[in-house]
């Protein structure tokens, strides 16, 4: 699994990083995006819905989310 450290990044930077990472991934591969901004969780959900990507998210620590995205 690949990791994207987006701690401290504000929108749209995490989505831009995710788009770049997805470009180098094969179908079925996973990336874990870690963020401390709740707006990133919302925008990542919207992005994944548009592009048919699977998303699972959990608040790993108070105010820190781990978002696992699987490329379709």
N, C-alpha and C. Protein backbone atom coordinates (compact mmCIF):
# COMPACT_ATOMS: atom_id res chain seq x y z
N UNK A 1 0.85 -1.17 0.00
CA UNK A 1 0.00 0.00 0.00
C UNK A 1 0.90 1.24 0.00
N UNK A 2 0.49 2.22 -0.77
CA UNK A 2 1.21 3.49 -0.83
C UNK A 2 0.63 4.43 0.23
N UNK A 3 1.45 5.38 0.68
CA UNK A 3 1.03 6.34 1.69
C UNK A 3 1.15 7.76 1.15
N UNK A 4 0.15 8.59 1.44
CA UNK A 4 0.20 10.01 1.11
C UNK A 4 0.08 10.80 2.41
N UNK A 5 1.12 11.49 2.78
CA UNK A 5 1.11 12.32 3.98
C UNK A 5 0.57 13.69 3.60
N UNK A 6 -0.65 13.96 4.01
CA UNK A 6 -1.28 15.25 3.71
C UNK A 6 -1.53 16.04 4.99
N UNK A 7 -0.82 15.70 6.05
CA UNK A 7 -0.96 16.44 7.31
C UNK A 7 -0.52 17.88 7.08
N UNK A 8 -1.39 18.80 7.45
CA UNK A 8 -1.09 20.22 7.28
C UNK A 8 -1.46 20.78 5.92
N UNK A 9 -1.79 19.91 4.96
CA UNK A 9 -2.19 20.37 3.63
C UNK A 9 -3.65 20.80 3.64
N UNK A 10 -3.95 21.91 2.98
CA UNK A 10 -5.33 22.35 2.85
C UNK A 10 -5.81 22.09 1.43
N UNK A 11 -7.12 22.00 1.27
CA UNK A 11 -7.71 21.73 -0.05
C UNK A 11 -7.34 22.86 -1.00
N UNK A 12 -7.05 22.51 -2.23
CA UNK A 12 -7.18 21.23 -2.92
C UNK A 12 -5.90 20.39 -2.97
N UNK A 13 -4.89 20.72 -2.18
CA UNK A 13 -3.60 20.03 -2.27
C UNK A 13 -3.72 18.51 -2.09
N UNK A 14 -4.47 18.00 -1.09
CA UNK A 14 -4.56 16.54 -0.95
C UNK A 14 -5.16 15.85 -2.18
N UNK A 15 -6.16 16.47 -2.79
CA UNK A 15 -6.77 15.88 -3.99
C UNK A 15 -5.77 15.89 -5.14
N UNK A 16 -4.99 16.93 -5.26
CA UNK A 16 -3.97 16.99 -6.31
C UNK A 16 -2.92 15.90 -6.10
N UNK A 17 -2.50 15.70 -4.86
CA UNK A 17 -1.55 14.63 -4.55
C UNK A 17 -2.15 13.26 -4.87
N UNK A 18 -3.43 13.08 -4.53
CA UNK A 18 -4.11 11.81 -4.80
C UNK A 18 -4.20 11.55 -6.30
N UNK A 19 -4.57 12.56 -7.07
CA UNK A 19 -4.65 12.40 -8.53
C UNK A 19 -3.31 11.97 -9.11
N UNK A 20 -2.24 12.59 -8.66
CA UNK A 20 -0.90 12.26 -9.15
C UNK A 20 -0.55 10.80 -8.79
N UNK A 21 -0.85 10.40 -7.57
CA UNK A 21 -0.53 9.04 -7.11
C UNK A 21 -1.35 8.00 -7.87
N UNK A 22 -2.63 8.29 -8.10
CA UNK A 22 -3.49 7.35 -8.83
C UNK A 22 -2.99 7.11 -10.25
N UNK A 23 -2.37 8.12 -10.84
CA UNK A 23 -1.84 7.98 -12.19
C UNK A 23 -0.77 6.92 -12.32
N UNK A 24 -0.07 6.63 -11.24
CA UNK A 24 1.00 5.63 -11.28
C UNK A 24 0.58 4.29 -10.69
N UNK A 25 -0.70 4.15 -10.36
CA UNK A 25 -1.18 2.92 -9.72
C UNK A 25 -1.91 2.03 -10.71
N UNK A 26 -1.89 0.73 -10.43
CA UNK A 26 -2.64 -0.25 -11.20
C UNK A 26 -4.00 -0.47 -10.55
N UNK A 27 -4.93 -1.00 -11.31
CA UNK A 27 -6.25 -1.34 -10.78
C UNK A 27 -6.10 -2.32 -9.62
N UNK A 28 -6.83 -2.07 -8.54
CA UNK A 28 -6.78 -2.93 -7.37
C UNK A 28 -5.77 -2.51 -6.32
N UNK A 29 -4.87 -1.57 -6.66
CA UNK A 29 -3.89 -1.09 -5.68
C UNK A 29 -4.55 -0.09 -4.73
N UNK A 30 -3.95 0.05 -3.56
CA UNK A 30 -4.48 0.92 -2.51
C UNK A 30 -3.51 2.05 -2.20
N UNK A 31 -4.08 3.17 -1.77
CA UNK A 31 -3.27 4.27 -1.24
C UNK A 31 -3.94 4.74 0.05
N UNK A 32 -3.14 5.02 1.06
CA UNK A 32 -3.63 5.54 2.33
C UNK A 32 -3.28 7.02 2.40
N UNK A 33 -4.31 7.85 2.43
CA UNK A 33 -4.13 9.30 2.55
C UNK A 33 -4.37 9.67 4.01
N UNK A 34 -3.41 10.33 4.63
CA UNK A 34 -3.53 10.74 6.03
C UNK A 34 -3.66 12.25 6.07
N UNK A 35 -4.70 12.73 6.75
CA UNK A 35 -4.99 14.16 6.77
C UNK A 35 -5.46 14.61 8.15
N UNK A 36 -5.28 15.88 8.41
CA UNK A 36 -5.78 16.46 9.65
C UNK A 36 -6.80 17.58 9.37
N UNK A 37 -7.36 17.57 8.17
CA UNK A 37 -8.39 18.55 7.80
C UNK A 37 -9.66 17.81 7.39
N UNK A 38 -10.75 18.06 8.11
CA UNK A 38 -12.00 17.35 7.83
C UNK A 38 -12.52 17.65 6.43
N UNK A 39 -12.22 18.82 5.87
CA UNK A 39 -12.68 19.14 4.52
C UNK A 39 -12.05 18.20 3.49
N UNK A 40 -10.86 17.69 3.78
CA UNK A 40 -10.21 16.75 2.87
C UNK A 40 -11.01 15.46 2.80
N UNK A 41 -11.56 15.02 3.92
CA UNK A 41 -12.39 13.81 3.92
C UNK A 41 -13.60 14.00 3.01
N UNK A 42 -14.26 15.14 3.13
CA UNK A 42 -15.44 15.42 2.30
C UNK A 42 -15.08 15.48 0.82
N UNK A 43 -14.02 16.21 0.49
CA UNK A 43 -13.65 16.35 -0.92
C UNK A 43 -13.13 15.03 -1.50
N UNK A 44 -12.48 14.22 -0.68
CA UNK A 44 -12.01 12.91 -1.16
C UNK A 44 -13.18 11.98 -1.42
N UNK A 45 -14.20 12.04 -0.58
CA UNK A 45 -15.41 11.22 -0.81
C UNK A 45 -16.06 11.61 -2.14
N UNK A 46 -16.18 12.90 -2.39
CA UNK A 46 -16.77 13.37 -3.65
C UNK A 46 -15.93 12.93 -4.84
N UNK A 47 -14.62 13.09 -4.75
CA UNK A 47 -13.70 12.71 -5.81
C UNK A 47 -13.84 11.21 -6.12
N UNK A 48 -13.86 10.40 -5.08
CA UNK A 48 -13.96 8.95 -5.27
C UNK A 48 -15.30 8.54 -5.87
N UNK A 49 -16.37 9.21 -5.48
CA UNK A 49 -17.68 8.91 -6.05
C UNK A 49 -17.71 9.24 -7.54
N UNK A 50 -17.11 10.34 -7.93
CA UNK A 50 -17.08 10.74 -9.34
C UNK A 50 -16.30 9.75 -10.18
N UNK A 51 -15.16 9.28 -9.65
CA UNK A 51 -14.26 8.42 -10.43
C UNK A 51 -14.42 6.93 -10.14
N UNK A 52 -15.42 6.56 -9.36
CA UNK A 52 -15.70 5.15 -9.11
C UNK A 52 -14.63 4.44 -8.29
N UNK A 53 -14.03 5.15 -7.36
CA UNK A 53 -13.00 4.58 -6.50
C UNK A 53 -13.63 4.16 -5.17
N UNK A 54 -13.08 3.11 -4.58
CA UNK A 54 -13.58 2.67 -3.28
C UNK A 54 -12.85 3.43 -2.18
N UNK A 55 -13.59 3.85 -1.17
CA UNK A 55 -13.02 4.63 -0.08
C UNK A 55 -13.46 4.07 1.25
N UNK A 56 -12.51 3.92 2.17
CA UNK A 56 -12.80 3.58 3.56
C UNK A 56 -12.05 4.58 4.41
N UNK A 57 -12.72 5.16 5.39
CA UNK A 57 -12.08 6.19 6.21
C UNK A 57 -12.31 5.91 7.69
N UNK A 58 -11.33 6.29 8.48
CA UNK A 58 -11.43 6.15 9.93
C UNK A 58 -10.67 7.30 10.58
N UNK A 59 -11.20 7.76 11.71
CA UNK A 59 -10.49 8.78 12.48
C UNK A 59 -9.51 8.05 13.39
N UNK A 60 -8.25 8.00 12.97
CA UNK A 60 -7.22 7.23 13.67
C UNK A 60 -6.87 7.85 15.03
N UNK A 61 -6.84 9.15 15.06
CA UNK A 61 -6.60 9.93 16.28
C UNK A 61 -7.57 11.10 16.23
N UNK A 62 -7.85 11.74 17.36
CA UNK A 62 -8.74 12.89 17.30
C UNK A 62 -8.22 13.94 16.30
N UNK A 63 -9.01 14.18 15.27
CA UNK A 63 -8.65 15.17 14.26
C UNK A 63 -7.70 14.70 13.18
N UNK A 64 -7.41 13.40 13.15
CA UNK A 64 -6.54 12.83 12.11
C UNK A 64 -7.26 11.65 11.46
N UNK A 65 -7.43 11.72 10.15
CA UNK A 65 -8.15 10.69 9.42
C UNK A 65 -7.21 9.90 8.52
N UNK A 66 -7.45 8.59 8.45
CA UNK A 66 -6.78 7.72 7.49
C UNK A 66 -7.82 7.33 6.46
N UNK A 67 -7.56 7.67 5.22
CA UNK A 67 -8.51 7.42 4.13
C UNK A 67 -7.85 6.44 3.16
N UNK A 68 -8.41 5.23 3.09
CA UNK A 68 -7.87 4.22 2.17
C UNK A 68 -8.68 4.26 0.89
N UNK A 69 -7.98 4.46 -0.22
CA UNK A 69 -8.62 4.54 -1.54
C UNK A 69 -8.10 3.38 -2.37
N UNK A 70 -9.02 2.67 -3.03
CA UNK A 70 -8.66 1.56 -3.90
C UNK A 70 -8.99 1.96 -5.33
N UNK A 71 -7.98 1.83 -6.21
CA UNK A 71 -8.19 2.17 -7.62
C UNK A 71 -9.01 1.09 -8.29
N UNK A 72 -10.01 1.51 -9.04
CA UNK A 72 -10.90 0.57 -9.73
C UNK A 72 -10.23 -0.01 -10.95
